[in-house]
Protein backbone atom coordinates (compact mmCIF):
# COMPACT_ATOMS: atom_id res chain seq x y z
CA MET A 1 16.79 -18.08 -13.91
CA LEU A 2 15.48 -14.50 -13.97
CA HIS A 3 11.87 -15.40 -14.56
CA GLU A 4 11.56 -18.98 -13.42
CA GLN A 5 8.45 -18.19 -11.41
CA GLU A 6 6.93 -16.43 -14.40
CA GLY A 7 8.04 -19.40 -16.47
CA SER A 8 5.89 -21.73 -14.39
CA ALA A 9 2.91 -19.63 -15.43
CA ALA A 10 3.90 -19.49 -19.09
CA ASN A 11 1.24 -21.97 -20.11
CA LEU A 12 -1.54 -19.88 -18.60
CA SER A 13 -3.60 -17.48 -20.70
CA LYS A 14 -3.32 -13.78 -19.92
CA ARG A 15 -6.90 -13.92 -18.62
CA ASP A 16 -5.97 -16.66 -16.13
CA ILE A 17 -2.88 -14.74 -15.04
CA LEU A 18 -4.97 -11.63 -14.36
CA LEU A 19 -7.56 -13.71 -12.51
CA THR A 20 -4.75 -15.22 -10.45
CA SER A 21 -3.49 -11.72 -9.60
CA PHE A 22 -7.02 -10.63 -8.66
CA VAL A 23 -7.61 -13.53 -6.25
CA SER A 24 -4.10 -13.43 -4.75
CA GLY A 25 -4.10 -9.66 -4.29
CA ALA A 26 -7.57 -9.58 -2.73
CA LEU A 27 -6.76 -12.36 -0.25
CA ALA A 28 -3.40 -10.84 0.68
CA GLY A 29 -4.88 -7.37 1.11
CA ILE A 30 -7.68 -8.28 3.48
CA ILE A 31 -5.57 -10.64 5.66
CA CYS A 32 -2.75 -8.10 5.99
CA ASP A 33 -4.92 -5.05 6.67
CA VAL A 34 -7.13 -6.71 9.29
CA THR A 35 -4.21 -8.39 11.08
CA LEU A 36 -2.20 -5.19 11.45
CA PHE A 37 -5.07 -2.76 11.92
CA PRO A 38 -4.18 -1.84 15.56
CA LEU A 39 -0.71 -0.65 14.48
CA ASP A 40 -2.27 1.41 11.71
CA THR A 41 -4.66 2.97 14.24
CA LEU A 42 -1.76 3.95 16.52
CA LYS A 43 0.11 5.44 13.55
CA THR A 44 -2.94 7.49 12.54
CA ARG A 45 -3.43 8.83 16.08
CA LEU A 46 0.26 9.74 16.43
CA GLN A 47 0.05 11.72 13.17
CA SER A 48 -3.29 13.39 13.99
CA GLN A 49 -3.30 17.16 14.42
CA HIS A 50 -5.84 16.63 17.23
CA GLY A 51 -3.27 14.86 19.41
CA PHE A 52 -2.66 11.21 20.23
CA PHE A 53 -4.79 10.89 23.38
CA GLN A 54 -7.53 13.21 22.09
CA SER A 55 -7.78 10.90 19.06
CA GLY A 56 -8.28 7.84 21.23
CA GLY A 57 -4.84 6.92 22.54
CA PHE A 58 -4.67 3.17 23.11
CA ARG A 59 -8.45 2.71 23.20
CA GLN A 60 -10.64 1.13 20.52
CA LEU A 61 -7.75 0.06 18.32
CA TYR A 62 -10.09 -1.72 15.89
CA LYS A 63 -12.30 1.33 15.41
CA GLY A 64 -12.84 1.78 11.67
CA VAL A 65 -12.00 -1.79 10.67
CA GLY A 66 -15.36 -2.14 8.87
CA PRO A 67 -14.45 0.02 5.85
CA VAL A 68 -11.11 -1.78 5.63
CA VAL A 69 -12.79 -5.19 5.46
CA LEU A 70 -14.93 -3.93 2.59
CA GLY A 71 -12.26 -1.97 0.74
CA SER A 72 -8.88 -3.69 1.16
CA ALA A 73 -9.67 -6.68 -1.06
CA PRO A 74 -10.81 -4.71 -4.15
CA SER A 75 -8.02 -2.15 -3.66
CA ALA A 76 -5.26 -4.79 -3.54
CA ALA A 77 -6.89 -6.79 -6.33
CA ILE A 78 -7.04 -3.73 -8.62
CA PHE A 79 -3.40 -2.96 -7.84
CA PHE A 80 -2.11 -6.40 -8.79
CA ILE A 81 -4.35 -6.77 -11.85
CA THR A 82 -2.93 -3.49 -13.18
CA TYR A 83 0.64 -4.30 -12.14
CA GLU A 84 0.72 -7.85 -13.52
CA GLY A 85 -1.28 -6.86 -16.60
CA ILE A 86 1.23 -4.20 -17.63
CA LYS A 87 4.12 -6.60 -16.93
CA GLN A 88 2.55 -9.42 -18.95
CA TYR A 89 1.87 -7.28 -22.01
CA SER A 90 5.08 -5.20 -21.88
CA GLN A 91 7.93 -7.47 -20.80
CA PRO A 92 7.94 -9.75 -23.89
CA CYS A 93 8.54 -6.66 -26.04
CA ILE A 94 11.31 -5.13 -23.92
CA PRO A 95 14.90 -6.35 -23.37
CA ASP A 96 15.61 -7.78 -19.91
CA GLN A 97 17.88 -4.91 -18.88
CA TYR A 98 14.92 -2.49 -19.10
CA HIS A 99 12.47 -4.58 -17.07
CA SER A 100 13.08 -2.48 -13.95
CA ILE A 101 11.61 0.50 -15.85
CA ILE A 102 8.53 -1.59 -16.66
CA HIS A 103 8.21 -2.46 -12.97
CA MET A 104 8.29 1.25 -12.09
CA VAL A 105 5.71 2.18 -14.73
CA ALA A 106 3.49 -0.76 -13.77
CA ALA A 107 3.73 0.10 -10.06
CA SER A 108 2.92 3.77 -10.68
CA SER A 109 -0.08 2.92 -12.86
CA ALA A 110 -1.28 0.35 -10.34
CA GLU A 111 -1.07 2.84 -7.46
CA VAL A 112 -3.04 5.52 -9.32
CA THR A 113 -5.74 2.99 -10.27
CA ALA A 114 -5.99 1.39 -6.82
CA CYS A 115 -6.35 4.82 -5.20
CA SER A 116 -9.82 5.16 -6.76
CA VAL A 117 -10.96 2.63 -4.14
CA ARG A 118 -8.25 3.12 -1.51
CA VAL A 119 -8.79 6.86 -0.89
CA PRO A 120 -12.46 6.92 0.19
CA VAL A 121 -11.82 3.81 2.31
CA GLU A 122 -8.81 5.55 3.93
CA VAL A 123 -10.79 8.74 4.61
CA ILE A 124 -13.62 6.88 6.38
CA LYS A 125 -11.21 4.55 8.19
CA GLN A 126 -8.87 7.27 9.48
CA ARG A 127 -11.68 9.55 10.63
CA LYS A 128 -13.12 6.64 12.61
CA GLN A 129 -9.67 5.73 13.96
CA ALA A 130 -9.23 9.30 15.23
CA LEU A 131 -12.75 9.17 16.77
CA LEU A 132 -13.92 12.21 14.79
CA PRO A 133 -17.65 12.78 15.35
CA ASP A 134 -18.93 12.97 11.76
CA THR A 135 -22.65 13.33 12.35
CA HIS A 136 -23.50 13.70 8.64
CA ARG A 137 -22.70 11.50 5.68
CA LEU A 138 -19.41 12.58 4.10
CA ARG A 139 -19.73 14.25 0.72
CA LEU A 140 -18.02 12.77 -2.33
CA ARG A 141 -15.64 15.74 -2.43
CA THR A 142 -14.61 15.01 1.15
CA LEU A 143 -14.19 11.29 0.47
CA TYR A 144 -11.76 12.05 -2.37
CA ARG A 145 -10.13 15.09 -0.74
CA GLY A 146 -7.01 13.08 0.05
CA TYR A 147 -6.72 11.60 -3.44
CA GLY A 148 -3.86 13.86 -4.58
CA SER A 149 -1.90 13.45 -1.35
CA THR A 150 -2.44 9.67 -1.35
CA VAL A 151 -1.28 9.37 -4.96
CA LEU A 152 1.77 11.55 -4.22
CA ARG A 153 2.57 9.31 -1.24
CA ASP A 154 1.86 6.00 -2.98
CA LEU A 155 3.58 6.77 -6.31
CA PRO A 156 7.09 6.99 -4.81
CA PHE A 157 6.16 4.16 -2.43
CA GLY A 158 5.25 1.88 -5.34
CA VAL A 159 8.14 3.01 -7.52
CA ILE A 160 10.57 2.09 -4.71
CA GLN A 161 8.75 -0.98 -3.39
CA MET A 162 7.90 -3.05 -6.47
CA PRO A 163 11.24 -2.78 -8.34
CA LEU A 164 13.06 -3.53 -5.06
CA TRP A 165 10.83 -6.57 -4.52
CA GLU A 166 11.56 -7.83 -8.02
CA TYR A 167 15.29 -7.08 -7.58
CA PHE A 168 15.53 -8.84 -4.20
CA LYS A 169 13.76 -11.90 -5.65
CA LEU A 170 16.17 -11.89 -8.59
CA CYS A 171 19.17 -11.72 -6.23
CA TRP A 172 17.74 -14.62 -4.20
CA THR A 173 17.17 -16.68 -7.34
CA GLN A 174 20.67 -16.02 -8.69
CA ARG A 175 22.27 -16.76 -5.33
CA THR A 176 20.42 -20.05 -4.68
CA GLN A 177 20.07 -21.11 -8.32
CA ARG A 178 16.47 -22.15 -7.77
CA GLU A 179 12.97 -20.74 -8.04
CA CYS A 180 11.97 -18.10 -5.49
CA THR A 181 9.75 -19.70 -2.84
CA PRO A 182 6.72 -17.96 -1.27
CA LEU A 183 8.70 -17.59 1.98
CA ALA A 184 11.62 -15.98 0.15
CA GLY A 185 9.20 -13.76 -1.76
CA ALA A 186 7.66 -12.69 1.54
CA ALA A 187 11.08 -11.80 3.00
CA CYS A 188 11.95 -9.81 -0.13
CA GLY A 189 8.59 -8.04 0.04
CA SER A 190 9.07 -7.23 3.72
CA ALA A 191 12.46 -5.61 3.07
CA SER A 192 11.22 -3.58 0.09
CA VAL A 193 8.14 -2.36 1.97
CA ALA A 194 10.15 -1.35 5.06
CA ILE A 195 12.46 0.83 2.95
CA SER A 196 9.55 2.39 1.06
CA ALA A 197 7.59 3.10 4.26
CA ALA A 198 10.56 4.82 5.91
CA VAL A 199 11.23 7.10 2.94
CA THR A 200 7.60 8.16 2.42
CA THR A 201 6.64 8.83 6.08
CA PRO A 202 6.50 12.67 5.72
CA LEU A 203 4.05 12.33 2.83
CA ASP A 204 1.98 9.94 4.94
CA VAL A 205 1.86 12.47 7.78
CA ALA A 206 0.55 15.14 5.38
CA LYS A 207 -1.99 12.71 3.91
CA THR A 208 -3.29 11.73 7.34
CA ARG A 209 -3.75 15.36 8.41
CA ILE A 210 -5.56 16.20 5.19
CA MET A 211 -7.98 13.31 5.71
CA LEU A 212 -8.57 14.29 9.35
CA SER A 213 -9.17 17.97 8.60
CA SER A 214 -12.54 19.57 9.17
CA THR A 215 -15.10 18.77 6.47
CA SER A 216 -15.53 22.55 6.03
CA ALA A 217 -11.81 23.23 5.48
CA GLU A 218 -10.96 25.30 2.41
CA ARG A 219 -9.00 23.84 -0.50
CA GLU A 220 -5.89 25.88 0.39
CA GLU A 221 -5.93 24.50 3.93
CA VAL A 222 -5.70 20.88 2.84
CA LYS A 223 -2.74 21.07 0.47
CA ILE A 224 0.30 18.86 1.10
CA SER A 225 2.66 21.83 1.21
CA THR A 226 0.43 23.60 3.75
CA MET A 227 0.29 20.55 5.99
CA LEU A 228 4.04 19.95 5.87
CA LYS A 229 4.71 23.61 6.72
CA GLU A 230 2.31 23.46 9.67
CA VAL A 231 3.89 20.26 10.99
CA TYR A 232 7.39 21.74 10.66
CA ARG A 233 6.32 24.97 12.37
CA ASP A 234 4.77 23.12 15.32
CA HIS A 235 7.09 20.13 15.72
CA GLY A 236 10.17 20.62 13.53
CA VAL A 237 11.63 17.88 11.33
CA LYS A 238 10.68 15.16 13.83
CA GLY A 239 7.02 16.04 13.19
CA TRP A 240 7.41 14.85 9.61
CA PHE A 241 8.23 11.40 10.99
CA ALA A 242 5.38 11.14 13.50
CA GLY A 243 4.22 7.54 13.74
CA PHE A 244 7.47 6.35 12.13
CA LEU A 245 7.93 3.33 14.40
CA PRO A 246 4.42 1.83 14.12
CA ARG A 247 4.32 2.67 10.40
CA VAL A 248 7.62 1.00 9.53
CA THR A 249 7.03 -1.89 11.95
CA GLY A 250 3.53 -2.43 10.61
CA PHE A 251 4.68 -2.28 6.99
CA THR A 252 7.63 -4.60 7.63
CA VAL A 253 5.43 -7.26 9.24
CA GLY A 254 2.62 -6.45 6.83
CA GLY A 255 4.93 -6.77 3.83
CA PHE A 256 5.94 -10.25 4.96
CA ILE A 257 2.31 -11.31 5.46
CA PHE A 258 1.05 -9.59 2.31
CA PHE A 259 3.66 -10.88 -0.11
CA GLY A 260 3.76 -14.28 1.61
CA VAL A 261 0.01 -14.72 1.19
CA TYR A 262 0.16 -13.26 -2.32
CA GLU A 263 2.95 -15.58 -3.47
CA GLN A 264 1.35 -18.65 -1.84
CA ALA A 265 -2.09 -17.88 -3.27
CA ARG A 266 -0.56 -17.14 -6.68
CA GLU A 267 1.30 -20.46 -6.62
CA PHE A 268 -1.92 -22.28 -5.73
CA CYS A 269 -3.90 -20.49 -8.46
CA ILE A 270 -1.23 -21.25 -11.08
CA ALA A 271 -1.34 -24.93 -10.15
CA TYR A 272 -5.16 -24.86 -10.28
CA PHE A 273 -5.36 -23.22 -13.72
CA SER A 274 -2.47 -25.24 -15.24
């Protein structure tokens, strides 16, 4: 029963499976990001070094949604193409007991790849969310300035999230003795995302501050270690968990929507290509 859902896609070619992942991931990404954008804005403003109310407070909660509309679909699609691609080509060659390692490797690779699109979108989005007055077009170096911090945040996030998602689905399948439904997959995704979001909040705080730093900031000023030290100096340990509630709440609800849409779209695509 471990891979009943994968079994339903066994007759599909690898190309069709990757296309299914592309469509499902893109649809899930854009629906989830746009729906929960106000919570993400509040989280960004709570983490901003400029202060919550100076960054906009409760005003203009959809400020910066434009870049997200353009970037969330390709980012999510790239993630799932990479993740499912590595799984499809690796799992048949590896014993079942080592599949969790494949999930970790696939998730890590997918995060690094998706960040090529995700990072510049995040930089533009968060600077707009914090109402920063960027009068000039941002340079490429500035757009990718948060790449390292985003990867360092998203690597542990993905390594925790995706294996947990697969594990929770496996537990559900073994317990009910039937194929994991899209609703069950959404619940499993929500739980895995909530745990991952809680654990990686300090890294998210550092990433946000790096992206909101002055465009003229020196390299040493926008390092993760520097940001975490500054936050601790000014606010103590609780500063590392700024925006914890909207972040975890948003990711919990977002995980349910994202994985629910992903599983439902994937099921539809599998039926279409079969």
